[in-house]
Amino acid sequence: MARELGDVLHYFLDDASEAPEEEPKATACPIVAAPMHPRDAIRSVLLWNLAVELRHLGREPVLLATELLRDQTRWLDLASEKLKPAWVTLSGRDVGPLLDTARAAANSLLQERDPVVLVHVPSNATWSDEHKGLFERCWLVVGGSDEDRQEFLELCERVLIAAPRSQIGVTVRGAETVPEARRIFDGLAELFEARFGHSLTSYGLLVDELELAQGLAEHHPGNPTSRSTRALRDVAELLRDDLH
């Protein structure tokens, strides 16, 4: 049964987790696609920070993006985090090279403890069922506006045509309160199930994402004690737990 936002709100209501840490399980290295517009600076920042938080939680992340993003992101400014993105050159807009590189990275990480490959997939690229291995698991960040909902449904439709069994998870952005985040997610989940006949997975909520963007602009990740960083850490925990 897919997880709903209400099942994970304890992550955001109590900073101290009482659950015992689980022993890592031997498993194939997962690939997580993060489809977004290539000029979406905020989501790009969030993906970088998600990788950083996953590393802090004990996973070994590899971050992939297209070569065209090299000059459009500030990722290289965060050398202190020792998280070096791999840049992939596409042939036209075909995501085949991203899939090939992601698979190669996943295979090379099999001996690492809890590896994960995170892939920044430009939404203006083209893909088909030949690339379904890239979309078996997707992470989307979605707000509550009509424009956000429409963009979300269109992107999900493209993903599910290529990978009908894709597990799509959503992190809610732009909510001021937990009840508001719940309403946004419930509305997305209802639309998603009505349109595609699948259940939507919740990866929690974000707050103050502009603060994370400001941190990146100043050449450092978010303040570890800030609300925004703590919320993203909770999102990373939810994704980490799903990857086991």
Protein backbone atom coordinates (compact mmCIF):
# COMPACT_ATOMS: atom_id res chain seq x y z
CA MET A 1 0.00 0.00 0.00
CA ALA A 2 1.42 3.38 -0.95
CA ARG A 3 2.34 5.73 1.84
CA GLU A 4 0.30 8.91 2.28
CA LEU A 5 1.40 12.22 3.79
CA GLY A 6 -0.49 11.50 7.00
CA ASP A 7 1.63 8.40 7.53
CA VAL A 8 4.84 10.40 7.67
CA LEU A 9 3.92 13.59 9.50
CA HIS A 10 5.70 12.39 12.64
CA TYR A 11 8.93 13.18 10.81
CA PHE A 12 7.95 16.84 10.79
CA LEU A 13 6.26 17.10 14.18
CA ASP A 14 9.12 15.74 16.26
CA ASP A 15 12.79 16.32 15.46
CA ALA A 16 13.93 13.45 17.66
CA SER A 17 13.33 10.04 16.15
CA GLU A 18 12.87 7.23 18.64
CA ALA A 19 12.94 4.45 16.05
CA PRO A 20 16.05 2.24 16.25
CA GLU A 21 18.43 2.44 13.32
CA GLU A 22 18.03 -0.51 10.98
CA GLU A 23 20.91 -2.59 9.72
CA PRO A 24 21.68 -1.93 6.04
CA LYS A 25 20.39 -4.52 3.60
CA ALA A 26 22.24 -5.83 0.60
CA THR A 27 20.43 -4.60 -2.47
CA ALA A 28 21.04 -3.36 -5.98
CA CYS A 29 21.95 0.30 -6.25
CA PRO A 30 18.72 2.25 -6.90
CA ILE A 31 18.38 4.98 -9.51
CA VAL A 32 16.13 7.93 -8.64
CA ALA A 33 15.10 10.30 -11.43
CA ALA A 34 14.26 13.91 -10.63
CA PRO A 35 12.54 15.27 -13.76
CA MET A 36 12.42 19.07 -13.85
CA HIS A 37 12.79 21.97 -16.22
CA PRO A 38 16.51 22.50 -16.88
CA ARG A 39 16.28 26.14 -15.80
CA ASP A 40 14.43 25.38 -12.57
CA ALA A 41 17.04 26.69 -10.15
CA ILE A 42 15.08 25.98 -6.97
CA ARG A 43 14.41 22.31 -7.69
CA SER A 44 18.01 21.93 -8.84
CA VAL A 45 19.17 23.32 -5.49
CA LEU A 46 16.81 20.98 -3.66
CA LEU A 47 18.19 17.97 -5.53
CA TRP A 48 21.75 18.91 -4.60
CA ASN A 49 20.79 19.38 -0.97
CA LEU A 50 18.87 16.09 -0.99
CA ALA A 51 22.06 14.33 -2.10
CA VAL A 52 23.99 16.08 0.70
CA GLU A 53 21.42 15.02 3.31
CA LEU A 54 21.42 11.43 2.04
CA ARG A 55 25.19 11.38 2.50
CA HIS A 56 24.80 12.71 6.03
CA LEU A 57 22.34 9.86 6.65
CA GLY A 58 24.88 7.24 5.62
CA ARG A 59 24.06 6.62 1.97
CA GLU A 60 26.60 7.00 -0.83
CA PRO A 61 25.01 9.28 -3.47
CA VAL A 62 26.13 9.93 -7.02
CA LEU A 63 24.59 12.94 -8.74
CA LEU A 64 24.19 13.00 -12.53
CA ALA A 65 23.12 15.89 -14.75
CA THR A 66 23.42 16.92 -18.36
CA GLU A 67 26.46 18.84 -19.56
CA LEU A 68 24.23 21.77 -20.46
CA LEU A 69 23.58 22.36 -16.75
CA ARG A 70 27.25 22.82 -15.91
CA ASP A 71 27.05 26.58 -16.48
CA GLN A 72 23.50 26.94 -15.14
CA THR A 73 23.99 25.54 -11.64
CA ARG A 74 26.23 26.44 -8.71
CA TRP A 75 26.83 22.82 -7.82
CA LEU A 76 30.56 23.01 -8.48
CA ASP A 77 30.87 25.77 -5.89
CA LEU A 78 30.19 23.26 -3.11
CA ALA A 79 33.47 21.38 -3.35
CA SER A 80 33.65 21.24 0.46
CA GLU A 81 30.81 18.73 0.42
CA LYS A 82 32.94 16.31 -1.67
CA LEU A 83 29.92 15.66 -3.83
CA LYS A 84 31.12 15.92 -7.41
CA PRO A 85 28.39 15.70 -10.05
CA ALA A 86 28.99 13.70 -13.20
CA TRP A 87 28.13 15.60 -16.35
CA VAL A 88 26.54 13.71 -19.24
CA THR A 89 26.38 14.87 -22.85
CA LEU A 90 23.09 14.12 -24.58
CA SER A 91 22.74 13.35 -28.25
CA GLY A 92 20.08 15.87 -29.16
CA ARG A 93 17.51 15.62 -26.37
CA ASP A 94 17.48 11.84 -26.04
CA VAL A 95 18.03 10.76 -22.41
CA GLY A 96 19.74 7.50 -23.47
CA PRO A 97 23.21 8.68 -22.33
CA LEU A 98 21.77 9.59 -18.92
CA LEU A 99 20.37 6.08 -18.55
CA ASP A 100 23.64 4.47 -19.69
CA THR A 101 25.67 6.59 -17.26
CA ALA A 102 23.24 5.95 -14.41
CA ARG A 103 23.42 2.19 -14.96
CA ALA A 104 27.22 2.28 -15.13
CA ALA A 105 27.36 4.32 -11.92
CA ALA A 106 24.94 1.95 -10.19
CA ASN A 107 27.04 -1.06 -11.18
CA SER A 108 30.24 0.59 -9.99
CA LEU A 109 28.70 1.34 -6.60
CA LEU A 110 27.51 -2.16 -5.76
CA GLN A 111 30.33 -2.62 -3.24
CA GLU A 112 29.55 0.65 -1.49
CA ARG A 113 27.34 0.83 1.56
CA ASP A 114 23.83 2.02 0.66
CA PRO A 115 24.60 3.65 -2.69
CA VAL A 116 22.05 5.65 -4.68
CA VAL A 117 22.21 7.40 -8.06
CA LEU A 118 20.26 10.66 -8.33
CA VAL A 119 19.61 11.87 -11.87
CA HIS A 120 18.61 15.41 -12.84
CA VAL A 121 16.44 14.69 -15.90
CA PRO A 122 15.56 17.74 -18.01
CA SER A 123 11.84 17.76 -18.66
CA ASN A 124 12.37 19.19 -22.15
CA ALA A 125 14.29 16.05 -23.14
CA THR A 126 12.66 13.11 -24.92
CA TRP A 127 12.23 9.61 -23.58
CA SER A 128 10.28 6.43 -24.30
CA ASP A 129 9.86 2.89 -22.99
CA GLU A 130 13.45 2.25 -24.10
CA HIS A 131 14.47 4.41 -21.14
CA LYS A 132 12.18 2.93 -18.50
CA GLY A 133 15.16 1.92 -16.38
CA LEU A 134 15.76 5.60 -15.71
CA PHE A 135 12.26 6.16 -14.34
CA GLU A 136 11.59 3.16 -12.09
CA ARG A 137 11.58 5.61 -9.17
CA CYS A 138 10.92 9.35 -9.46
CA TRP A 139 11.12 12.22 -6.99
CA LEU A 140 9.03 15.30 -7.77
CA VAL A 141 8.66 18.56 -5.86
CA VAL A 142 5.16 20.01 -6.34
CA GLY A 143 3.30 23.05 -5.05
CA GLY A 144 -0.40 23.68 -4.68
CA SER A 145 -1.08 26.07 -7.57
CA ASP A 146 -3.13 25.11 -10.62
CA GLU A 147 -0.02 25.53 -12.76
CA ASP A 148 1.95 23.18 -10.48
CA ARG A 149 -0.79 20.54 -10.61
CA GLN A 150 -1.02 20.70 -14.40
CA GLU A 151 2.76 20.45 -14.79
CA PHE A 152 2.80 17.54 -12.34
CA LEU A 153 0.11 15.59 -14.23
CA GLU A 154 1.74 16.17 -17.61
CA LEU A 155 5.14 15.05 -16.34
CA CYS A 156 3.68 11.97 -14.64
CA GLU A 157 1.89 11.01 -17.84
CA ARG A 158 5.17 11.12 -19.76
CA VAL A 159 6.96 9.10 -17.08
CA LEU A 160 4.26 6.44 -16.87
CA ILE A 161 4.08 5.99 -20.63
CA ALA A 162 7.78 5.16 -20.57
CA ALA A 163 7.74 3.24 -17.28
CA PRO A 164 4.22 2.06 -16.35
CA ARG A 165 5.44 0.61 -13.03
CA SER A 166 7.29 3.73 -11.97
CA GLN A 167 7.05 4.56 -8.28
CA ILE A 168 6.41 8.28 -8.18
CA GLY A 169 6.91 10.13 -4.93
CA VAL A 170 6.07 13.75 -4.18
CA THR A 171 7.48 16.30 -1.79
CA VAL A 172 5.08 19.19 -1.18
CA ARG A 173 6.48 22.71 -1.36
CA GLY A 174 5.01 26.10 -0.54
CA ALA A 175 2.84 25.03 2.39
CA GLU A 176 2.78 27.23 5.48
CA THR A 177 1.34 24.55 7.78
CA VAL A 178 1.13 20.78 8.02
CA PRO A 179 -2.66 20.78 7.38
CA GLU A 180 -2.10 22.85 4.24
CA ALA A 181 0.58 20.41 3.07
CA ARG A 182 -1.81 17.53 3.73
CA ARG A 183 -4.51 19.22 1.63
CA ILE A 184 -2.07 19.80 -1.23
CA PHE A 185 -0.86 16.21 -1.20
CA ASP A 186 -4.36 14.75 -0.88
CA GLY A 187 -5.48 16.79 -3.88
CA LEU A 188 -2.47 15.62 -5.93
CA ALA A 189 -3.02 12.01 -4.88
CA GLU A 190 -6.70 12.15 -5.85
CA LEU A 191 -5.88 13.59 -9.27
CA PHE A 192 -3.06 11.10 -9.77
CA GLU A 193 -5.17 8.06 -8.92
CA ALA A 194 -8.10 9.25 -11.02
CA ARG A 195 -5.90 9.88 -14.05
CA PHE A 196 -3.49 6.96 -13.85
CA GLY A 197 -5.02 4.36 -11.53
CA HIS A 198 -1.94 4.35 -9.29
CA SER A 199 -1.29 5.47 -5.75
CA LEU A 200 1.03 8.40 -5.10
CA THR A 201 3.79 8.17 -2.49
CA SER A 202 4.48 11.03 -0.09
CA TYR A 203 8.01 12.19 0.60
CA GLY A 204 6.92 14.79 3.09
CA LEU A 205 7.04 18.56 2.82
CA LEU A 206 9.47 21.42 2.41
CA VAL A 207 9.54 24.80 4.05
CA ASP A 208 11.62 27.90 3.31
CA GLU A 209 13.21 26.39 0.21
CA LEU A 210 14.41 29.86 -0.80
CA GLU A 211 16.69 29.74 2.22
CA LEU A 212 18.39 26.68 0.77
CA ALA A 213 18.81 28.49 -2.53
CA GLN A 214 20.37 31.44 -0.73
CA GLY A 215 22.82 29.11 0.98
CA LEU A 216 23.92 27.71 -2.36
CA ALA A 217 24.33 31.22 -3.78
CA GLU A 218 26.66 31.92 -0.85
CA HIS A 219 28.72 28.80 -1.65
CA HIS A 220 27.59 26.64 1.24
CA PRO A 221 24.72 24.24 1.96
CA GLY A 222 21.83 25.19 4.19
CA ASN A 223 22.24 25.94 7.89
CA PRO A 224 21.92 22.50 9.55
CA THR A 225 19.75 23.94 12.33
CA SER A 226 17.33 25.86 10.10
CA ARG A 227 13.75 24.80 9.47
CA SER A 228 14.42 24.37 5.77
CA THR A 229 17.40 22.07 6.25
CA ARG A 230 15.67 20.01 8.93
CA ALA A 231 12.61 19.57 6.70
CA LEU A 232 14.78 18.45 3.77
CA ARG A 233 16.62 16.05 6.08
CA ASP A 234 13.26 14.49 6.94
CA VAL A 235 12.49 14.17 3.22
CA ALA A 236 15.86 12.46 2.75
CA GLU A 237 15.05 10.04 5.57
CA LEU A 238 11.78 9.08 3.92
CA LEU A 239 13.48 8.47 0.59
CA ARG A 240 16.32 6.57 2.26
CA ASP A 241 13.87 4.30 4.05
CA ASP A 242 12.02 3.60 0.80
CA LEU A 243 15.26 2.66 -0.95
CA HIS A 244 16.02 -0.24 1.42
